[in-house]
C-alpha atoms as a PDB file:
ATOM      1  CA  MET A   1       0.000   0.000   0.000  1.00  0.00           C
ATOM      2  CA  ALA A   2       1.720   3.156  -1.201  1.00  0.00           C
ATOM      3  CA  PHE A   3       1.023   6.450   0.515  1.00  0.00           C
ATOM      4  CA  ARG A   4       0.749   9.423  -1.710  1.00  0.00           C
ATOM      5  CA  VAL A   5       1.746  12.860  -0.469  1.00  0.00           C
ATOM      6  CA  ARG A   6      -0.357  15.699  -1.719  1.00  0.00           C
ATOM      7  CA  SER A   7       1.725  18.264  -3.567  1.00  0.00           C
ATOM      8  CA  SER A   8       1.698  21.804  -2.261  1.00  0.00           C
ATOM      9  CA  LYS A   9       2.719  25.021  -3.934  1.00  0.00           C
ATOM     10  CA  PHE A  10       4.232  26.133  -0.595  1.00  0.00           C
ATOM     11  CA  ARG A  11       6.619  23.219  -0.052  1.00  0.00           C
ATOM     12  CA  HIS A  12       9.700  25.222  -1.055  1.00  0.00           C
ATOM     13  CA  VAL A  13       8.807  28.379   0.890  1.00  0.00           C
ATOM     14  CA  PHE A  14      10.923  29.067   3.966  1.00  0.00           C
ATOM     15  CA  GLY A  15      10.812  31.959   6.410  1.00  0.00           C
ATOM     16  CA  ASN A  16      13.380  33.639   8.607  1.00  0.00           C
ATOM     17  CA  GLY A  17      12.883  34.405  12.276  1.00  0.00           C
ATOM     18  CA  ALA A  18      12.797  38.038  13.328  1.00  0.00           C
ATOM     19  CA  LYS A  19      15.935  39.537  14.813  1.00  0.00           C
ATOM     20  CA  LYS A  20      15.966  40.741  18.413  1.00  0.00           C
ATOM     21  CA  GLU A  21      16.047  44.384  17.352  1.00  0.00           C
ATOM     22  CA  GLN A  22      12.806  43.827  15.425  1.00  0.00           C
ATOM     23  CA  CYS A  23      10.867  42.385  18.388  1.00  0.00           C
ATOM     24  CA  TYR A  24       9.100  43.543  21.517  1.00  0.00           C
ATOM     25  CA  ASP A  25      10.505  42.255  24.800  1.00  0.00           C
ATOM     26  CA  ASN A  26       9.202  41.559  28.335  1.00  0.00           C
ATOM     27  CA  ILE A  27       5.474  41.263  27.570  1.00  0.00           C
ATOM     28  CA  LYS A  28       3.601  39.249  30.201  1.00  0.00           C
ATOM     29  CA  ILE A  29       0.730  37.633  28.305  1.00  0.00           C
ATOM     30  CA  THR A  30      -2.273  36.188  30.067  1.00  0.00           C
ATOM     31  CA  LYS A  31      -2.286  32.673  31.508  1.00  0.00           C
ATOM     32  CA  ASN A  32      -6.015  32.334  31.018  1.00  0.00           C
ATOM     33  CA  ALA A  33      -6.995  28.791  30.079  1.00  0.00           C
ATOM     34  CA  HIS A  34      -9.879  29.779  27.788  1.00  0.00           C
ATOM     35  CA  ASP A  35      -9.514  29.317  24.061  1.00  0.00           C
ATOM     36  CA  SER A  36      -9.461  32.832  22.729  1.00  0.00           C
ATOM     37  CA  ASN A  37      -7.392  35.350  20.809  1.00  0.00           C
ATOM     38  CA  TYR A  38      -4.518  36.793  22.807  1.00  0.00           C
ATOM     39  CA  CYS A  39      -3.477  39.326  20.187  1.00  0.00           C
ATOM     40  CA  ALA A  40      -4.805  41.294  17.252  1.00  0.00           C
ATOM     41  CA  VAL A  41      -2.775  43.042  14.565  1.00  0.00           C
ATOM     42  CA  ASN A  42      -3.444  45.663  11.936  1.00  0.00           C
ATOM     43  CA  PRO A  43      -0.950  47.575   9.740  1.00  0.00           C
ATOM     44  CA  LYS A  44      -0.237  50.162  12.495  1.00  0.00           C
ATOM     45  CA  PHE A  45      -0.676  48.468  15.894  1.00  0.00           C
ATOM     46  CA  VAL A  46      -0.558  45.168  17.760  1.00  0.00           C
ATOM     47  CA  ALA A  47      -2.817  44.572  20.770  1.00  0.00           C
ATOM     48  CA  VAL A  48      -1.830  41.930  23.342  1.00  0.00           C
ATOM     49  CA  VAL A  49      -3.943  40.658  26.252  1.00  0.00           C
ATOM     50  CA  THR A  50      -1.844  40.896  29.425  1.00  0.00           C
ATOM     51  CA  GLU A  51      -1.813  39.214  32.820  1.00  0.00           C
ATOM     52  CA  SER A  52      -3.453  41.568  35.333  1.00  0.00           C
ATOM     53  CA  ALA A  53      -5.703  41.567  38.339  1.00  0.00           C
ATOM     54  CA  GLY A  54      -9.279  42.405  37.482  1.00  0.00           C
ATOM     55  CA  GLY A  55      -9.059  41.056  33.938  1.00  0.00           C
ATOM     56  CA  GLY A  56      -9.613  42.651  30.582  1.00  0.00           C
ATOM     57  CA  ALA A  57      -6.337  44.585  30.371  1.00  0.00           C
ATOM     58  CA  PHE A  58      -4.380  44.769  27.126  1.00  0.00           C
ATOM     59  CA  LEU A  59      -1.433  46.645  25.642  1.00  0.00           C
ATOM     60  CA  LEU A  60      -1.683  48.570  22.400  1.00  0.00           C
ATOM     61  CA  LEU A  61       1.784  48.740  20.826  1.00  0.00           C
ATOM     62  CA  PRO A  62       2.769  50.679  17.680  1.00  0.00           C
ATOM     63  CA  LEU A  63       4.478  48.616  14.978  1.00  0.00           C
ATOM     64  CA  GLU A  64       6.708  51.493  13.844  1.00  0.00           C
ATOM     65  CA  ARG A  65       8.552  51.476  17.207  1.00  0.00           C
ATOM     66  CA  VAL A  66       9.917  47.978  17.518  1.00  0.00           C
ATOM     67  CA  LYS A  67      12.986  47.325  19.661  1.00  0.00           C
ATOM     68  CA  PHE A  68      10.912  48.640  22.492  1.00  0.00           C
ATOM     69  CA  ARG A  69      11.221  47.033  25.931  1.00  0.00           C
ATOM     70  CA  ILE A  70       7.910  46.819  27.739  1.00  0.00           C
ATOM     71  CA  PHE A  71       8.192  47.771  31.409  1.00  0.00           C
ATOM     72  CA  MET A  72       5.817  46.601  34.104  1.00  0.00           C
ATOM     73  CA  SER A  73       4.749  50.230  34.649  1.00  0.00           C
ATOM     74  CA  THR A  74       3.490  50.542  31.049  1.00  0.00           C
ATOM     75  CA  ALA A  75      -0.123  51.684  31.038  1.00  0.00           C
ATOM     76  CA  ALA A  76      -2.616  48.994  30.089  1.00  0.00           C
ATOM     77  CA  ILE A  77      -5.988  49.775  28.563  1.00  0.00           C
END
């Protein structure tokens, strides 16, 4: 019995990981066990749900300012 692999037009496509200077650092995401979206992205911003008391807090981060360390004192919405 021969198995046949379905051909894909993406089999020769490879990506590169982002460099550290192109990433955000020190973001504490939520540890909530529910299946849900923890981030949302558009061409200008990324929104990330964060771990906080009281629930519902998220960070809104601009994509034009990467290499930006997130501090614990950063205001959450």
